Amino acid sequence: MTKNMGSADRIIRVLIAAVVIALYFAHIINGTTAAVLLALAGVFLLTSFISTCPLYLPFGINTRGKKK
């Protein structure tokens, strides 16, 4: 897969995932909301570690910057 995520995009996704996980362990979110948000946090973490967002591919989005 082509890497299409820049550093800022990856950092933002990790921070959002960390906030969701913290809210879950603080018992602020629970039930179905927690399950959905935790699944989304997992996807955010996975995509940030592999630097590829599958949803960006069909739209041609690339936050990685220009190649030199």
N, C-alpha and C. Protein backbone atom coordinates (compact mmCIF):
# COMPACT_ATOMS: atom_id res chain seq x y z
N MET A 1 0.82 -1.19 0.00
CA MET A 1 0.00 0.00 0.00
C MET A 1 0.87 1.25 0.00
N THR A 2 0.38 2.25 -0.65
CA THR A 2 1.07 3.52 -0.70
C THR A 2 0.82 4.30 0.58
N LYS A 3 1.88 4.83 1.15
CA LYS A 3 1.73 5.63 2.36
C LYS A 3 1.17 6.99 1.97
N ASN A 4 0.09 7.40 2.64
CA ASN A 4 -0.57 8.65 2.27
C ASN A 4 -0.90 9.53 3.47
N MET A 5 -0.26 9.27 4.61
CA MET A 5 -0.52 10.08 5.80
C MET A 5 0.75 10.77 6.27
N GLY A 6 0.64 12.06 6.52
CA GLY A 6 1.76 12.82 7.02
C GLY A 6 1.88 12.72 8.54
N SER A 7 2.91 13.31 9.07
CA SER A 7 3.18 13.25 10.51
C SER A 7 2.07 13.88 11.34
N ALA A 8 1.60 15.04 10.92
CA ALA A 8 0.54 15.72 11.68
C ALA A 8 -0.73 14.88 11.71
N ASP A 9 -1.09 14.29 10.61
CA ASP A 9 -2.27 13.45 10.53
C ASP A 9 -2.14 12.24 11.46
N ARG A 10 -0.97 11.64 11.48
CA ARG A 10 -0.74 10.48 12.33
C ARG A 10 -0.79 10.85 13.81
N ILE A 11 -0.19 11.97 14.17
CA ILE A 11 -0.17 12.41 15.57
C ILE A 11 -1.59 12.73 16.05
N ILE A 12 -2.36 13.40 15.22
CA ILE A 12 -3.74 13.74 15.59
C ILE A 12 -4.55 12.47 15.82
N ARG A 13 -4.39 11.48 14.97
CA ARG A 13 -5.13 10.22 15.13
C ARG A 13 -4.73 9.50 16.42
N VAL A 14 -3.46 9.49 16.75
CA VAL A 14 -3.01 8.84 17.99
C VAL A 14 -3.57 9.59 19.20
N LEU A 15 -3.57 10.91 19.15
CA LEU A 15 -4.10 11.69 20.27
C LEU A 15 -5.60 11.46 20.45
N ILE A 16 -6.35 11.41 19.35
CA ILE A 16 -7.79 11.15 19.44
C ILE A 16 -8.03 9.76 20.04
N ALA A 17 -7.26 8.78 19.59
CA ALA A 17 -7.41 7.42 20.13
C ALA A 17 -7.08 7.40 21.62
N ALA A 18 -6.05 8.11 22.03
CA ALA A 18 -5.67 8.15 23.44
C ALA A 18 -6.77 8.79 24.29
N VAL A 19 -7.40 9.83 23.78
CA VAL A 19 -8.49 10.49 24.51
C VAL A 19 -9.67 9.53 24.66
N VAL A 20 -10.02 8.83 23.60
CA VAL A 20 -11.14 7.88 23.67
C VAL A 20 -10.84 6.77 24.68
N ILE A 21 -9.63 6.26 24.65
CA ILE A 21 -9.26 5.19 25.59
C ILE A 21 -9.28 5.72 27.03
N ALA A 22 -8.80 6.94 27.24
CA ALA A 22 -8.83 7.53 28.58
C ALA A 22 -10.26 7.74 29.07
N LEU A 23 -11.14 8.19 28.17
CA LEU A 23 -12.55 8.37 28.54
C LEU A 23 -13.19 7.04 28.91
N TYR A 24 -12.82 5.98 28.22
CA TYR A 24 -13.38 4.66 28.53
C TYR A 24 -12.92 4.19 29.91
N PHE A 25 -11.63 4.30 30.18
CA PHE A 25 -11.12 3.83 31.48
C PHE A 25 -11.54 4.73 32.64
N ALA A 26 -11.93 5.96 32.35
CA ALA A 26 -12.44 6.86 33.39
C ALA A 26 -13.95 6.68 33.57
N HIS A 27 -14.53 5.74 32.83
CA HIS A 27 -15.96 5.42 32.90
C HIS A 27 -16.83 6.61 32.50
N ILE A 28 -16.34 7.43 31.62
CA ILE A 28 -17.13 8.55 31.11
C ILE A 28 -17.99 8.10 29.93
N ILE A 29 -17.44 7.20 29.13
CA ILE A 29 -18.23 6.60 28.05
C ILE A 29 -18.40 5.12 28.36
N ASN A 30 -19.56 4.58 27.98
CA ASN A 30 -19.80 3.16 28.22
C ASN A 30 -20.85 2.65 27.23
N GLY A 31 -21.09 1.38 27.24
CA GLY A 31 -22.11 0.77 26.40
C GLY A 31 -21.75 0.79 24.92
N THR A 32 -22.78 0.99 24.12
CA THR A 32 -22.61 0.97 22.67
C THR A 32 -21.71 2.12 22.20
N THR A 33 -21.86 3.26 22.81
CA THR A 33 -21.01 4.41 22.46
C THR A 33 -19.55 4.08 22.66
N ALA A 34 -19.23 3.45 23.77
CA ALA A 34 -17.85 3.08 24.06
C ALA A 34 -17.34 2.07 23.05
N ALA A 35 -18.17 1.09 22.71
CA ALA A 35 -17.75 0.06 21.75
C ALA A 35 -17.44 0.67 20.39
N VAL A 36 -18.31 1.56 19.93
CA VAL A 36 -18.10 2.20 18.63
C VAL A 36 -16.87 3.08 18.65
N LEU A 37 -16.72 3.88 19.70
CA LEU A 37 -15.56 4.79 19.78
C LEU A 37 -14.26 4.02 19.95
N LEU A 38 -14.27 2.92 20.70
CA LEU A 38 -13.06 2.11 20.86
C LEU A 38 -12.68 1.44 19.55
N ALA A 39 -13.66 0.99 18.80
CA ALA A 39 -13.36 0.41 17.48
C ALA A 39 -12.75 1.47 16.56
N LEU A 40 -13.31 2.66 16.59
CA LEU A 40 -12.77 3.76 15.79
C LEU A 40 -11.35 4.12 16.25
N ALA A 41 -11.12 4.12 17.56
CA ALA A 41 -9.78 4.39 18.09
C ALA A 41 -8.79 3.33 17.62
N GLY A 42 -9.23 2.08 17.58
CA GLY A 42 -8.37 1.01 17.09
C GLY A 42 -8.00 1.20 15.63
N VAL A 43 -8.96 1.61 14.83
CA VAL A 43 -8.70 1.88 13.41
C VAL A 43 -7.74 3.07 13.28
N PHE A 44 -7.95 4.10 14.08
CA PHE A 44 -7.05 5.26 14.06
C PHE A 44 -5.63 4.85 14.40
N LEU A 45 -5.46 4.03 15.42
CA LEU A 45 -4.12 3.59 15.80
C LEU A 45 -3.48 2.75 14.70
N LEU A 46 -4.24 1.82 14.15
CA LEU A 46 -3.71 0.96 13.09
C LEU A 46 -3.29 1.76 11.87
N THR A 47 -4.15 2.66 11.43
CA THR A 47 -3.82 3.45 10.24
C THR A 47 -2.67 4.41 10.50
N SER A 48 -2.54 4.90 11.71
CA SER A 48 -1.42 5.81 11.99
C SER A 48 -0.10 5.05 12.04
N PHE A 49 -0.11 3.80 12.50
CA PHE A 49 1.12 3.03 12.55
C PHE A 49 1.57 2.55 11.17
N ILE A 50 0.63 2.29 10.27
CA ILE A 50 1.02 1.85 8.92
C ILE A 50 1.08 3.01 7.94
N SER A 51 0.74 4.21 8.38
CA SER A 51 0.82 5.45 7.59
C SER A 51 -0.04 5.41 6.33
N THR A 52 -1.10 4.62 6.36
CA THR A 52 -1.98 4.52 5.21
C THR A 52 -3.43 4.57 5.67
N CYS A 53 -4.21 5.43 5.04
CA CYS A 53 -5.63 5.49 5.32
C CYS A 53 -6.37 5.00 4.08
N PRO A 54 -7.05 3.86 4.17
CA PRO A 54 -7.76 3.33 3.00
C PRO A 54 -8.85 4.27 2.46
N LEU A 55 -9.43 5.09 3.32
CA LEU A 55 -10.46 6.02 2.86
C LEU A 55 -9.87 7.16 2.03
N TYR A 56 -8.59 7.44 2.19
CA TYR A 56 -7.96 8.48 1.40
C TYR A 56 -7.72 8.03 -0.05
N LEU A 57 -7.54 6.73 -0.27
CA LEU A 57 -7.17 6.23 -1.59
C LEU A 57 -8.18 6.56 -2.69
N PRO A 58 -9.49 6.27 -2.52
CA PRO A 58 -10.42 6.57 -3.61
C PRO A 58 -10.55 8.06 -3.93
N PHE A 59 -10.27 8.90 -2.94
CA PHE A 59 -10.40 10.34 -3.14
C PHE A 59 -9.09 11.01 -3.54
N GLY A 60 -8.01 10.25 -3.54
CA GLY A 60 -6.71 10.80 -3.93
C GLY A 60 -6.11 11.75 -2.90
N ILE A 61 -6.51 11.61 -1.65
CA ILE A 61 -6.00 12.49 -0.60
C ILE A 61 -4.64 12.00 -0.16
N ASN A 62 -3.72 12.92 0.02
CA ASN A 62 -2.37 12.59 0.48
C ASN A 62 -1.90 13.72 1.39
N THR A 63 -1.75 13.43 2.67
CA THR A 63 -1.31 14.45 3.63
C THR A 63 0.18 14.33 3.91
N ARG A 64 0.86 13.49 3.16
CA ARG A 64 2.28 13.22 3.39
C ARG A 64 3.18 14.33 2.88
N GLY A 65 2.72 15.12 2.00
CA GLY A 65 3.56 16.19 1.44
C GLY A 65 4.08 15.81 0.08
N LYS A 66 4.83 16.71 -0.49
CA LYS A 66 5.36 16.49 -1.83
C LYS A 66 6.65 15.69 -1.79
N LYS A 67 6.81 14.81 -2.76
CA LYS A 67 8.04 14.03 -2.87
C LYS A 67 9.12 14.88 -3.53
N LYS A 68 10.34 14.68 -3.08
CA LYS A 68 11.46 15.45 -3.66
C LYS A 68 12.20 14.60 -4.65
